[in-house]
Protein backbone atom coordinates (compact mmCIF):
# COMPACT_ATOMS: atom_id res chain seq x y z
CA UNK A 1 -25.77 -76.55 18.33
CA UNK A 2 -25.92 -74.88 21.99
CA UNK A 3 -28.13 -77.67 23.05
CA UNK A 4 -25.63 -80.46 21.81
CA UNK A 5 -22.92 -78.42 23.68
CA UNK A 6 -24.69 -78.71 26.95
CA UNK A 7 -25.32 -82.00 26.43
CA UNK A 8 -22.06 -83.65 24.99
CA UNK A 9 -19.21 -80.92 26.03
CA UNK A 10 -18.06 -83.33 28.91
CA UNK A 11 -14.63 -84.52 29.77
CA UNK A 12 -13.65 -87.44 27.63
CA UNK A 13 -10.24 -88.56 26.34
CA UNK A 14 -8.73 -87.09 23.56
CA UNK A 15 -7.99 -90.65 21.96
CA UNK A 16 -4.49 -89.58 20.48
CA UNK A 17 -3.64 -92.98 21.89
CA UNK A 18 -5.55 -95.74 23.41
CA UNK A 19 -5.94 -96.65 26.03
CA UNK A 20 -5.12 -92.90 27.03
CA UNK A 21 -1.68 -92.14 28.86
CA UNK A 22 -3.39 -91.57 32.43
CA UNK A 23 -4.37 -95.68 32.24
CA UNK A 24 -0.48 -96.16 32.34
CA UNK A 25 0.51 -98.39 35.37
CA UNK A 26 3.64 -97.67 37.73
CA UNK A 27 4.82 -101.25 38.01
CA UNK A 28 5.33 -101.51 34.21
CA UNK A 29 9.36 -101.32 34.04
CA UNK A 30 12.67 -101.86 31.85
CA UNK A 31 12.21 -105.53 31.26
CA UNK A 32 8.56 -105.28 30.11
CA UNK A 33 9.78 -102.89 27.59
CA UNK A 34 12.93 -104.91 26.34
CA UNK A 35 10.42 -107.76 26.05
CA UNK A 36 7.87 -105.68 24.18
CA UNK A 37 10.71 -104.21 21.78
CA UNK A 38 12.04 -108.04 21.18
CA UNK A 39 8.16 -108.59 20.37
CA UNK A 40 7.69 -105.57 18.02
CA UNK A 41 9.99 -107.04 15.30
CA UNK A 42 7.46 -109.56 14.79
CA UNK A 43 4.72 -107.33 14.41
CA UNK A 44 2.76 -104.80 12.30
CA UNK A 45 3.53 -102.03 11.25
CA UNK A 46 7.22 -102.88 10.55
CA UNK A 47 8.33 -99.35 9.85
CA UNK A 48 10.07 -97.54 12.57
CA UNK A 49 8.93 -94.24 13.79
CA UNK A 50 11.33 -92.37 16.15
CA UNK A 51 10.48 -89.83 18.67
CA UNK A 52 13.13 -87.43 20.35
CA UNK A 53 11.57 -85.19 23.06
CA UNK A 54 13.89 -82.00 23.87
CA UNK A 55 12.11 -80.79 27.08
CA UNK A 56 13.81 -77.15 27.56
CA UNK A 57 12.05 -74.23 27.04
CA UNK A 58 13.55 -70.67 27.37
CA UNK A 59 10.36 -69.33 28.80
CA UNK A 60 6.87 -71.24 29.52
CA UNK A 61 3.97 -70.52 27.66
CA UNK A 62 0.98 -70.60 30.24
CA UNK A 63 -1.38 -72.51 28.27
CA UNK A 64 1.18 -75.33 27.93
CA UNK A 65 -0.05 -78.88 28.90
CA UNK A 66 3.34 -80.32 27.54
CA UNK A 67 6.25 -82.07 29.48
CA UNK A 68 8.32 -78.91 29.37
CA UNK A 69 11.03 -77.74 31.71
CA UNK A 70 12.51 -74.17 32.08
CA UNK A 71 16.00 -74.10 30.79
CA UNK A 72 17.78 -72.92 33.87
CA UNK A 73 21.68 -71.93 34.21
CA UNK A 74 22.24 -75.34 35.79
CA UNK A 75 20.90 -77.13 32.18
CA UNK A 76 22.89 -78.65 30.16
CA UNK A 77 21.99 -79.51 26.37
CA UNK A 78 25.21 -81.53 25.77
CA UNK A 79 24.63 -83.63 28.89
CA UNK A 80 21.13 -84.31 28.00
CA UNK A 81 21.52 -85.06 24.38
CA UNK A 82 24.79 -87.21 25.19
CA UNK A 83 21.99 -89.33 27.61
CA UNK A 84 19.48 -89.48 24.46
CA UNK A 85 22.31 -90.96 22.40
CA UNK A 86 22.88 -93.16 24.91
CA UNK A 87 19.32 -94.44 25.42
CA UNK A 88 19.33 -94.73 21.42
CA UNK A 89 22.09 -97.33 21.76
CA UNK A 90 20.46 -99.34 24.37
CA UNK A 91 17.15 -99.50 22.86
CA UNK A 92 18.29 -99.98 19.30
CA UNK A 93 20.23 -102.88 19.75
CA UNK A 94 16.85 -104.70 20.17
CA UNK A 95 15.25 -103.44 16.87
CA UNK A 96 16.07 -105.52 13.96
CA UNK A 97 18.25 -103.41 11.69
CA UNK A 98 16.60 -104.54 8.56
CA UNK A 99 13.61 -102.32 9.73
CA UNK A 100 13.46 -99.19 8.28
CA UNK A 101 12.76 -95.57 9.41
CA UNK A 102 9.30 -94.02 8.35
CA UNK A 103 9.28 -90.90 10.82
CA UNK A 104 11.35 -89.14 12.81
CA UNK A 105 9.99 -86.44 15.24
CA UNK A 106 11.42 -83.93 17.22
CA UNK A 107 8.62 -82.45 20.39
CA UNK A 108 9.32 -80.85 23.57
CA UNK A 109 9.49 -78.36 25.13
CA UNK A 110 10.98 -76.53 22.42
CA UNK A 111 13.37 -78.72 20.46
CA UNK A 112 14.32 -75.70 17.97
CA UNK A 113 16.31 -73.78 20.76
CA UNK A 114 19.18 -76.99 21.19
CA UNK A 115 21.80 -76.10 19.03
CA UNK A 116 21.22 -77.52 15.60
CA UNK A 117 24.55 -79.55 15.73
CA UNK A 118 23.50 -81.31 18.96
CA UNK A 119 20.17 -82.14 17.15
CA UNK A 120 22.46 -83.11 13.89
CA UNK A 121 23.94 -85.85 16.09
CA UNK A 122 21.04 -87.54 16.92
CA UNK A 123 19.64 -87.85 13.30
CA UNK A 124 23.10 -89.36 12.45
CA UNK A 125 22.98 -91.80 14.93
CA UNK A 126 19.52 -92.83 13.66
CA UNK A 127 20.44 -92.66 9.93
CA UNK A 128 23.79 -94.65 10.73
CA UNK A 129 21.93 -97.77 12.18
CA UNK A 130 18.96 -98.14 9.55
CA UNK A 131 17.92 -97.35 6.07
CA UNK A 132 14.78 -95.13 5.30
CA UNK A 133 11.98 -95.55 3.29
CA UNK A 134 11.24 -93.82 -0.03
CA UNK A 135 10.51 -89.94 1.45
CA UNK A 136 10.38 -90.47 4.97
CA UNK A 137 9.10 -87.65 7.26
CA UNK A 138 11.54 -85.89 9.43
CA UNK A 139 10.14 -83.25 11.61
CA UNK A 140 10.50 -80.67 14.50
CA UNK A 141 8.54 -78.58 16.25
CA UNK A 142 10.30 -74.81 15.74
CA UNK A 143 9.31 -71.98 18.28
CA UNK A 144 9.79 -69.05 16.11
CA UNK A 145 10.54 -66.44 18.70
CA UNK A 146 13.84 -67.46 19.12
CA UNK A 147 15.11 -68.63 15.52
CA UNK A 148 17.20 -66.73 13.08
CA UNK A 149 17.44 -67.60 9.48
CA UNK A 150 20.33 -69.38 10.21
CA UNK A 151 18.76 -71.51 12.79
CA UNK A 152 16.20 -73.06 10.07
CA UNK A 153 19.06 -73.33 7.50
CA UNK A 154 20.84 -75.42 9.98
CA UNK A 155 18.12 -77.83 10.85
CA UNK A 156 17.20 -78.18 7.00
CA UNK A 157 20.95 -79.24 6.38
CA UNK A 158 20.47 -81.71 9.18
CA UNK A 159 18.08 -83.57 7.36
CA UNK A 160 14.52 -82.47 8.05
CA UNK A 161 11.84 -81.98 5.51
CA UNK A 162 9.00 -80.88 7.52
CA UNK A 163 8.72 -77.95 10.20
CA UNK A 164 5.96 -77.43 12.38
CA UNK A 165 5.88 -73.65 13.37
CA UNK A 166 4.37 -72.81 16.68
CA UNK A 167 2.57 -69.56 15.77
CA UNK A 168 -0.58 -69.94 18.05
CA UNK A 169 -2.17 -66.62 17.30
CA UNK A 170 -0.66 -63.48 15.19
CA UNK A 171 -2.40 -61.35 17.53
CA UNK A 172 0.50 -59.92 19.63
CA UNK A 173 -1.56 -59.04 22.48
CA UNK A 174 -3.13 -62.77 22.81
CA UNK A 175 0.86 -63.97 22.44
CA UNK A 176 1.64 -61.46 25.43
CA UNK A 177 -1.22 -62.48 27.63
CA UNK A 178 -0.07 -66.24 27.01
CA UNK A 179 3.46 -65.64 27.80
CA UNK A 180 4.13 -66.43 24.00
CA UNK A 181 6.87 -64.59 21.89
CA UNK A 182 5.79 -63.91 18.38
CA UNK A 183 8.29 -65.06 15.21
CA UNK A 184 11.72 -63.23 15.20
CA UNK A 185 11.15 -63.39 11.09
CA UNK A 186 8.42 -62.02 9.17
CA UNK A 187 6.35 -64.86 8.01
CA UNK A 188 6.83 -63.97 4.54
CA UNK A 189 10.58 -64.08 4.64
CA UNK A 190 10.36 -67.19 6.87
CA UNK A 191 8.08 -69.04 4.15
CA UNK A 192 10.55 -68.07 1.23
CA UNK A 193 13.44 -69.64 3.16
CA UNK A 194 11.96 -72.76 3.81
CA UNK A 195 10.30 -72.98 0.29
CA UNK A 196 14.01 -72.88 -1.39
CA UNK A 197 14.99 -75.53 1.05
CA UNK A 198 11.79 -77.82 -0.27
CA UNK A 199 10.72 -77.61 3.44
CA UNK A 200 6.98 -78.65 4.02
CA UNK A 201 5.41 -76.28 6.44
CA UNK A 202 2.85 -76.61 9.05
CA UNK A 203 1.31 -73.76 11.04
CA UNK A 204 0.50 -74.37 14.65
CA UNK A 205 -2.51 -72.45 15.84
CA UNK A 206 -4.29 -72.66 19.37
CA UNK A 207 -7.90 -71.26 20.17
CA UNK A 208 -9.52 -70.58 23.45
CA UNK A 209 -6.88 -68.03 24.81
CA UNK A 210 -7.23 -65.10 26.89
CA UNK A 211 -8.27 -61.90 24.41
CA UNK A 212 -9.17 -64.16 21.42
CA UNK A 213 -12.29 -62.76 19.55
CA UNK A 214 -14.18 -63.91 16.50
CA UNK A 215 -12.80 -61.01 14.74
CA UNK A 216 -9.32 -61.41 15.75
CA UNK A 217 -8.91 -65.23 15.40
CA UNK A 218 -10.55 -64.99 12.14
CA UNK A 219 -8.13 -62.27 11.20
CA UNK A 220 -5.22 -64.83 12.20
CA UNK A 221 -6.49 -67.52 10.17
CA UNK A 222 -7.14 -65.37 7.14
CA UNK A 223 -3.26 -64.68 7.48
CA UNK A 224 -2.65 -67.98 7.57
CA UNK A 225 -4.45 -69.16 4.44
CA UNK A 226 -2.85 -66.43 2.68
CA UNK A 227 0.66 -67.68 3.71
CA UNK A 228 -0.45 -71.01 2.18
CA UNK A 229 1.25 -73.78 4.22
CA UNK A 230 0.99 -77.30 3.28
CA UNK A 231 -0.93 -78.18 6.67
CA UNK A 232 -2.68 -75.70 9.16
CA UNK A 233 -3.34 -77.30 12.59
CA UNK A 234 -5.99 -75.67 15.02
CA UNK A 235 -5.85 -76.60 18.70
CA UNK A 236 -8.11 -76.55 21.02
CA UNK A 237 -7.05 -75.24 24.37
CA UNK A 238 -7.45 -77.66 26.88
CA UNK A 239 -7.59 -75.54 30.44
CA UNK A 240 -6.44 -78.15 33.29
CA UNK A 241 -4.97 -75.98 35.90
CA UNK A 242 -5.08 -78.95 38.21
CA UNK A 243 -2.54 -80.86 35.86
CA UNK A 244 -0.85 -77.59 34.90
CA UNK A 245 -0.81 -75.16 37.51
CA UNK A 246 0.94 -72.36 35.31
CA UNK A 247 -2.51 -72.20 33.41
CA UNK A 248 -4.19 -70.82 36.19
CA UNK A 249 -2.55 -67.40 35.46
CA UNK A 250 -4.42 -67.35 31.93
CA UNK A 251 -7.66 -67.22 34.18
CA UNK A 252 -6.41 -63.30 35.03
CA UNK A 253 -7.10 -62.28 31.65
CA UNK A 254 -10.22 -64.22 31.45
CA UNK A 255 -10.91 -67.41 29.01
CA UNK A 256 -13.47 -67.49 26.25
CA UNK A 257 -16.72 -69.09 27.10
CA UNK A 258 -17.62 -72.18 25.97
CA UNK A 259 -20.13 -70.69 23.11
CA UNK A 260 -17.30 -68.08 21.84
CA UNK A 261 -14.97 -71.33 21.74
CA UNK A 262 -17.17 -73.22 19.42
CA UNK A 263 -17.60 -70.09 17.52
CA UNK A 264 -13.93 -69.81 16.94
CA UNK A 265 -13.68 -73.39 15.92
CA UNK A 266 -16.60 -73.04 13.64
CA UNK A 267 -15.56 -69.84 11.94
CA UNK A 268 -11.78 -71.12 11.34
CA UNK A 269 -13.49 -74.26 10.27
CA UNK A 270 -15.53 -72.60 7.48
CA UNK A 271 -12.65 -70.23 6.42
CA UNK A 272 -9.94 -72.93 5.72
CA UNK A 273 -12.85 -74.72 3.92
CA UNK A 274 -13.13 -71.82 1.34
CA UNK A 275 -9.48 -71.20 1.52
CA UNK A 276 -9.00 -74.62 -0.28
CA UNK A 277 -8.25 -76.90 2.69
CA UNK A 278 -9.87 -79.95 3.90
CA UNK A 279 -10.12 -81.15 7.36
CA UNK A 280 -8.21 -83.79 8.51
CA UNK A 281 -9.46 -85.52 12.25
CA UNK A 282 -9.74 -83.05 14.62
CA UNK A 283 -7.83 -80.50 14.20
CA UNK A 284 -5.76 -80.54 11.20
CA UNK A 285 -6.41 -79.33 7.87
CA UNK A 286 -4.55 -79.69 4.33
CA UNK A 287 -4.72 -79.30 0.59
CA UNK A 288 -6.23 -81.59 -1.33
CA UNK A 289 -3.28 -83.11 -3.08
CA UNK A 290 -2.07 -83.56 0.75
CA UNK A 291 -1.48 -87.62 0.98
CA UNK A 292 -3.30 -87.37 3.97
CA UNK A 293 -6.32 -85.98 2.41
CA UNK A 294 -5.74 -89.01 -0.12
CA UNK A 295 -5.76 -91.37 3.04
CA UNK A 296 -9.19 -89.84 4.69
CA UNK A 297 -10.73 -90.34 1.37
CA UNK A 298 -9.78 -93.74 0.77
CA UNK A 299 -10.71 -94.61 4.41
CA UNK A 300 -6.83 -95.54 5.36
CA UNK A 301 -5.61 -92.39 7.56
CA UNK A 302 -4.25 -93.26 10.47
CA UNK A 303 -2.29 -91.84 13.68
CA UNK A 304 0.15 -92.24 16.15
CA UNK A 305 1.76 -90.34 18.83
CA UNK A 306 3.50 -88.17 15.92
CA UNK A 307 0.24 -87.06 14.67
CA UNK A 308 -1.78 -88.24 11.57
CA UNK A 309 -0.14 -90.06 8.70
CA UNK A 310 -0.78 -92.36 5.84
CA UNK A 311 -0.36 -96.24 6.10
CA UNK A 312 3.16 -96.18 4.59
CA UNK A 313 4.72 -93.91 6.63
CA UNK A 314 2.83 -95.46 9.86
CA UNK A 315 5.50 -96.85 12.29
CA UNK A 316 5.77 -98.63 15.74
CA UNK A 317 7.10 -95.45 17.96
CA UNK A 318 10.31 -95.48 19.69
CA UNK A 319 10.80 -92.66 21.83
CA UNK A 320 13.82 -91.18 23.33
CA UNK A 321 14.10 -88.61 26.09
CA UNK A 322 12.81 -87.83 29.37
CA UNK A 323 8.85 -88.61 29.60
CA UNK A 324 8.90 -89.93 26.08
CA UNK A 325 6.34 -92.07 25.29
CA UNK A 326 7.02 -95.44 23.04
CA UNK A 327 4.05 -96.64 21.21
CA UNK A 328 4.23 -100.38 20.41
CA UNK A 329 1.74 -103.03 18.84
CA UNK A 330 1.14 -104.43 22.25
CA UNK A 331 2.71 -102.01 24.82
CA UNK A 332 3.03 -98.04 25.89
CA UNK A 333 5.89 -97.25 28.01
CA UNK A 334 6.83 -93.55 29.31
CA UNK A 335 10.30 -92.84 30.69
CA UNK A 336 10.47 -90.90 33.86
CA UNK A 337 9.56 -87.19 34.39
CA UNK A 338 12.64 -86.27 36.23
CA UNK A 339 15.61 -85.02 34.10
CA UNK A 340 18.05 -85.91 36.46
CA UNK A 341 16.93 -89.14 37.04
CA UNK A 342 16.86 -89.40 33.55
CA UNK A 343 20.41 -88.71 32.88
CA UNK A 344 21.71 -90.79 35.90
CA UNK A 345 19.72 -94.12 34.80
CA UNK A 346 21.07 -93.90 31.40
CA UNK A 347 24.63 -93.12 32.75
CA UNK A 348 24.17 -96.67 34.68
CA UNK A 349 23.39 -98.42 31.36
CA UNK A 350 19.57 -98.74 32.15
CA UNK A 351 16.46 -97.60 30.22
CA UNK A 352 14.44 -95.19 32.94
CA UNK A 353 11.02 -96.42 32.18
CA UNK A 354 8.59 -94.97 34.79
CA UNK A 355 5.58 -96.75 33.37
CA UNK A 356 3.60 -98.62 31.01
CA UNK A 357 0.94 -100.26 29.69
CA UNK A 358 0.50 -103.94 28.35
CA UNK A 359 -2.49 -104.36 25.88
CA UNK A 360 -4.75 -107.51 25.95
CA UNK A 361 -6.36 -108.94 22.62
CA UNK A 362 -9.60 -107.06 23.51
CA UNK A 363 -7.87 -103.65 24.08
CA UNK A 364 -5.63 -103.85 20.53
CA UNK A 365 -9.03 -104.39 18.88
CA UNK A 366 -10.89 -101.35 20.61
CA UNK A 367 -7.57 -99.37 19.46
CA UNK A 368 -8.32 -100.51 16.01
CA UNK A 369 -12.04 -99.36 16.26
CA UNK A 370 -11.24 -95.89 18.03
CA UNK A 371 -8.43 -94.68 15.87
CA UNK A 372 -10.39 -95.69 12.92
CA UNK A 373 -13.14 -93.33 13.89
CA UNK A 374 -10.98 -90.95 15.00
CA UNK A 375 -8.95 -90.61 11.89
CA UNK A 376 -11.92 -91.50 9.12
CA UNK A 377 -14.89 -90.15 11.01
CA UNK A 378 -16.48 -93.41 10.35
CA UNK A 379 -16.15 -97.08 11.22
CA UNK A 380 -17.01 -100.07 8.66
CA UNK A 381 -17.25 -103.32 10.89
CA UNK A 382 -16.60 -105.61 8.33
CA UNK A 383 -13.30 -103.65 7.07
CA UNK A 384 -12.00 -103.66 10.54
CA UNK A 385 -12.95 -107.37 11.06
CA UNK A 386 -11.24 -108.36 7.84
CA UNK A 387 -8.02 -106.25 8.72
CA UNK A 388 -7.96 -108.05 12.28
CA UNK A 389 -8.81 -111.40 10.38
CA UNK A 390 -11.96 -111.45 13.34
CA UNK A 391 -15.56 -111.77 13.01
CA UNK A 392 -17.94 -108.64 13.40
CA UNK A 393 -19.15 -109.91 16.15
CA UNK A 394 -15.67 -110.56 18.01
CA UNK A 395 -15.04 -106.89 16.85
CA UNK A 396 -18.14 -105.39 18.19
CA UNK A 397 -17.82 -107.36 21.57
CA UNK A 398 -14.47 -106.26 22.31
CA UNK A 399 -16.02 -102.77 22.51
CA UNK A 400 -18.42 -101.23 24.94
CA UNK A 401 -20.78 -100.93 21.83
CA UNK A 402 -24.44 -100.52 22.90
CA UNK A 403 -27.34 -99.78 20.20
CA UNK A 404 -29.26 -97.77 22.82
CA UNK A 405 -26.23 -95.20 22.64
CA UNK A 406 -26.16 -95.29 18.74
CA UNK A 407 -29.65 -94.43 18.80
CA UNK A 408 -29.37 -91.57 20.85
CA UNK A 409 -26.17 -90.30 18.69
CA UNK A 410 -28.71 -90.61 15.50
CA UNK A 411 -31.46 -89.06 16.90
CA UNK A 412 -29.42 -85.81 18.08
CA UNK A 413 -27.79 -86.10 14.73
CA UNK A 414 -24.68 -86.73 15.40
CA UNK A 415 -24.10 -90.00 13.36
CA UNK A 416 -25.74 -92.12 10.68
CA UNK A 417 -25.71 -95.56 11.79
CA UNK A 418 -26.67 -99.07 10.92
CA UNK A 419 -25.90 -102.52 11.79
CA UNK A 420 -22.77 -102.06 9.25
CA UNK A 421 -21.71 -98.78 10.14
CA UNK A 422 -21.16 -95.53 11.99
CA UNK A 423 -20.54 -92.35 10.39
CA UNK A 424 -19.97 -89.06 11.58
CA UNK A 425 -22.19 -86.40 10.57
CA UNK A 426 -20.99 -82.79 9.85
CA UNK A 427 -22.56 -80.87 12.88
CA UNK A 428 -21.55 -84.24 14.82
CA UNK A 429 -17.98 -84.05 14.14
CA UNK A 430 -16.91 -81.43 17.32
CA UNK A 431 -18.44 -84.65 19.31
CA UNK A 432 -16.20 -87.18 17.80
CA UNK A 433 -14.74 -88.05 21.29
CA UNK A 434 -17.96 -88.67 22.63
CA UNK A 435 -18.61 -91.35 20.20
CA UNK A 436 -15.26 -92.82 20.83
CA UNK A 437 -16.10 -92.63 24.70
CA UNK A 438 -19.41 -94.73 24.26
CA UNK A 439 -16.95 -97.58 22.66
CA UNK A 440 -14.66 -97.50 25.21
CA UNK A 441 -14.84 -100.28 28.13
CA UNK A 442 -12.25 -99.03 30.32
CA UNK A 443 -14.49 -95.69 30.98
CA UNK A 444 -17.40 -98.08 32.26
CA UNK A 445 -15.53 -97.38 36.03
CA UNK A 446 -12.89 -94.61 36.10
CA UNK A 447 -11.68 -91.70 38.00
CA UNK A 448 -9.28 -90.44 35.40
CA UNK A 449 -9.26 -86.82 34.41
CA UNK A 450 -10.02 -85.70 30.77
CA UNK A 451 -10.33 -82.31 29.05
CA UNK A 452 -13.76 -81.27 27.31
CA UNK A 453 -13.92 -81.47 23.38
CA UNK A 454 -15.06 -77.96 23.07
């Protein structure tokens, strides 16, 4: 395995979207987005996914690579939410009111540090405009370091049925080195509270942080398994201090080597497998009765910016808030990164689009191929061709597919490959991003910056 790490642990896109966000173009503007929204009413998937970005954090975790901003005395949660409400009105005017909500997701920042009444206002604005599918996913990322029992109860009353609890590590020394607060509530009390409200629970962890050892992280994972969350996520820490200067502070404590980081990942995967969980994609773990596992088993697992999802909850993503990215069938659009500019532009009656990307037909095909690989760990060329109403040759030629590259992956034991399919082997799973990158024409000539897979 160390030889494979030496060969393949090179920077490649994460492929949470295709193309990756660093390919977006500055000349994309509000008019382009409105045209894309109008077109989205006639495109698949027809369901609606809404993302709301609440950017403030009470303190900044050193590892954070999100578009987050420290809450200051000048920050006004009310003013910001008023702008989000106005943006919803501007955008939803162009969305067919007969379409249904499949997902709402709040991210940040630390959205759970906003007053629950403000968050309820946003939910009610969306629910008043659109009906929902049966059992939609209404989710929010929660920072347990600031939440008492009443905060969880009020969010449940606001309509949330899934909460992602950002634990990151149960080891307090690791959290302290990362400037992260541990949970205010004991985890057993927190789980009892949410279970009583029938809230589905995600627990989120990060491996690759300072002071983590195989023993300490194994203990954290064992504690998590004992709690039996519905889903458990183990994110690989991406160290990119050029883009996120605060990450340099982690270097003072010392970051794990690539070998240790791989060991943390592998050990956690084995524990979770033995604990009754099944791996979904790169970092999610679910129980066999979970709809994501059923979707994986049938080869229909999908994902968008909200994360992994089954086809029935898949929707085009309409995003609100500073830096938020809409993910439509034919385009992406990202809002400005300046909170002051965001609020001012909304007040003037405009959507504050900073940049975006229009996908041509070839890129839409490549997105289908790479998304299928990243979700289901396989590519069945005829299946994709039938779905897209194209020939197999048209699908392949849209990508950077190369038999020579496939042979090299196969010889290294990363994939099983023939003319009909590409299937990831178990030991090749950590390098799925490398296989996806080999199919990406946009990487032929690029100076974009990416993280390493391990």
